[in-house]
């Protein structure tokens, strides 16, 4: 992989990961006593944290794939 393509994919991974982290943490800290969900205990907290990591990894992988496909399409 040429250095420019690798650098662009790396930048896309970092941006996608940061965006995924933001999306994943939105619901984590903004909680209210009026939320009617059953995720109030430690098990719910761990579930939300696990979900945050999965969302971050998914966004990073999607951004890397999109950047790679876009660069390969532009290369033609």
C-alpha atoms as a PDB file:
ATOM      1  CA  UNK A   1       0.000   0.000   0.000  1.00  0.00           C
ATOM      2  CA  UNK A   2       1.552   3.331  -0.985  1.00  0.00           C
ATOM      3  CA  UNK A   3       2.276   5.755   1.789  1.00  0.00           C
ATOM      4  CA  UNK A   4      -0.346   8.304   0.709  1.00  0.00           C
ATOM      5  CA  UNK A   5      -3.087   5.686   0.666  1.00  0.00           C
ATOM      6  CA  UNK A   6      -1.983   4.308   4.026  1.00  0.00           C
ATOM      7  CA  UNK A   7      -1.890   7.790   5.532  1.00  0.00           C
ATOM      8  CA  UNK A   8      -5.350   8.629   4.207  1.00  0.00           C
ATOM      9  CA  UNK A   9      -6.782   5.367   5.561  1.00  0.00           C
ATOM     10  CA  UNK A  10      -5.119   6.006   8.933  1.00  0.00           C
ATOM     11  CA  UNK A  11      -6.607   9.493   9.104  1.00  0.00           C
ATOM     12  CA  UNK A  12     -10.027   8.062   8.204  1.00  0.00           C
ATOM     13  CA  UNK A  13      -9.694   5.438  10.949  1.00  0.00           C
ATOM     14  CA  UNK A  14      -8.856   8.096  13.523  1.00  0.00           C
ATOM     15  CA  UNK A  15     -11.714  10.368  12.444  1.00  0.00           C
ATOM     16  CA  UNK A  16     -14.190   7.492  12.287  1.00  0.00           C
ATOM     17  CA  UNK A  17     -13.080   6.215  15.683  1.00  0.00           C
ATOM     18  CA  UNK A  18     -13.449   9.661  17.235  1.00  0.00           C
ATOM     19  CA  UNK A  19     -16.899  10.031  15.718  1.00  0.00           C
ATOM     20  CA  UNK A  20     -17.902   6.576  16.926  1.00  0.00           C
ATOM     21  CA  UNK A  21     -16.620   7.344  20.420  1.00  0.00           C
ATOM     22  CA  UNK A  22     -18.738  10.506  20.467  1.00  0.00           C
ATOM     23  CA  UNK A  23     -21.836   8.663  19.279  1.00  0.00           C
ATOM     24  CA  UNK A  24     -21.208   5.823  21.712  1.00  0.00           C
ATOM     25  CA  UNK A  25     -20.764   8.074  24.750  1.00  0.00           C
ATOM     26  CA  UNK A  26     -23.731  10.325  24.084  1.00  0.00           C
ATOM     27  CA  UNK A  27     -26.134   8.107  25.979  1.00  0.00           C
ATOM     28  CA  UNK A  28     -23.580   6.942  28.533  1.00  0.00           C
ATOM     29  CA  UNK A  29     -23.347  10.091  30.647  1.00  0.00           C
ATOM     30  CA  UNK A  30     -26.616  11.860  29.909  1.00  0.00           C
ATOM     31  CA  UNK A  31     -28.856   9.883  32.177  1.00  0.00           C
ATOM     32  CA  UNK A  32     -31.849  10.955  34.139  1.00  0.00           C
ATOM     33  CA  UNK A  33     -33.768   9.442  37.021  1.00  0.00           C
ATOM     34  CA  UNK A  34     -36.796   9.644  34.756  1.00  0.00           C
ATOM     35  CA  UNK A  35     -35.338   7.242  32.186  1.00  0.00           C
ATOM     36  CA  UNK A  36     -37.575   4.215  32.239  1.00  0.00           C
ATOM     37  CA  UNK A  37     -34.965   1.628  31.302  1.00  0.00           C
ATOM     38  CA  UNK A  38     -33.690  -1.280  33.352  1.00  0.00           C
ATOM     39  CA  UNK A  39     -30.001  -0.508  32.770  1.00  0.00           C
ATOM     40  CA  UNK A  40     -29.398   1.274  36.055  1.00  0.00           C
ATOM     41  CA  UNK A  41     -27.161  -1.249  37.784  1.00  0.00           C
ATOM     42  CA  UNK A  42     -23.603  -2.342  37.243  1.00  0.00           C
ATOM     43  CA  UNK A  43     -24.625  -4.848  34.586  1.00  0.00           C
ATOM     44  CA  UNK A  44     -26.350  -2.111  32.584  1.00  0.00           C
ATOM     45  CA  UNK A  45     -23.313   0.146  32.937  1.00  0.00           C
ATOM     46  CA  UNK A  46     -20.995  -2.587  31.627  1.00  0.00           C
ATOM     47  CA  UNK A  47     -23.397  -3.230  28.748  1.00  0.00           C
ATOM     48  CA  UNK A  48     -23.355   0.444  27.779  1.00  0.00           C
ATOM     49  CA  UNK A  49     -19.547   0.597  27.995  1.00  0.00           C
ATOM     50  CA  UNK A  50     -19.236  -2.542  25.844  1.00  0.00           C
ATOM     51  CA  UNK A  51     -21.646  -1.006  23.335  1.00  0.00           C
ATOM     52  CA  UNK A  52     -19.538   2.169  23.248  1.00  0.00           C
ATOM     53  CA  UNK A  53     -16.418   0.183  22.302  1.00  0.00           C
ATOM     54  CA  UNK A  54     -18.278  -1.778  19.616  1.00  0.00           C
ATOM     55  CA  UNK A  55     -19.686   1.418  18.122  1.00  0.00           C
ATOM     56  CA  UNK A  56     -16.231   3.027  18.119  1.00  0.00           C
ATOM     57  CA  UNK A  57     -14.619   0.036  16.394  1.00  0.00           C
ATOM     58  CA  UNK A  58     -17.446  -0.221  13.863  1.00  0.00           C
ATOM     59  CA  UNK A  59     -17.263   3.450  12.929  1.00  0.00           C
ATOM     60  CA  UNK A  60     -13.462   3.252  12.602  1.00  0.00           C
ATOM     61  CA  UNK A  61     -13.639   0.188  10.341  1.00  0.00           C
ATOM     62  CA  UNK A  62     -16.396   1.677   8.197  1.00  0.00           C
ATOM     63  CA  UNK A  63     -14.429   4.909   7.767  1.00  0.00           C
ATOM     64  CA  UNK A  64     -11.267   3.008   6.824  1.00  0.00           C
ATOM     65  CA  UNK A  65     -13.119   0.888   4.293  1.00  0.00           C
ATOM     66  CA  UNK A  66     -14.845   3.928   2.797  1.00  0.00           C
ATOM     67  CA  UNK A  67     -11.563   5.837   2.513  1.00  0.00           C
ATOM     68  CA  UNK A  68      -9.808   2.876   0.910  1.00  0.00           C
ATOM     69  CA  UNK A  69     -12.599   2.302  -1.605  1.00  0.00           C
ATOM     70  CA  UNK A  70     -12.758   6.018  -2.427  1.00  0.00           C
ATOM     71  CA  UNK A  71      -9.000   6.220  -2.952  1.00  0.00           C
ATOM     72  CA  UNK A  72      -9.007   3.125  -5.154  1.00  0.00           C
ATOM     73  CA  UNK A  73     -11.888   4.539  -7.191  1.00  0.00           C
ATOM     74  CA  UNK A  74     -10.087   7.866  -7.630  1.00  0.00           C
ATOM     75  CA  UNK A  75      -6.890   6.102  -8.601  1.00  0.00           C
ATOM     76  CA  UNK A  76      -8.529   4.634 -11.698  1.00  0.00           C
END
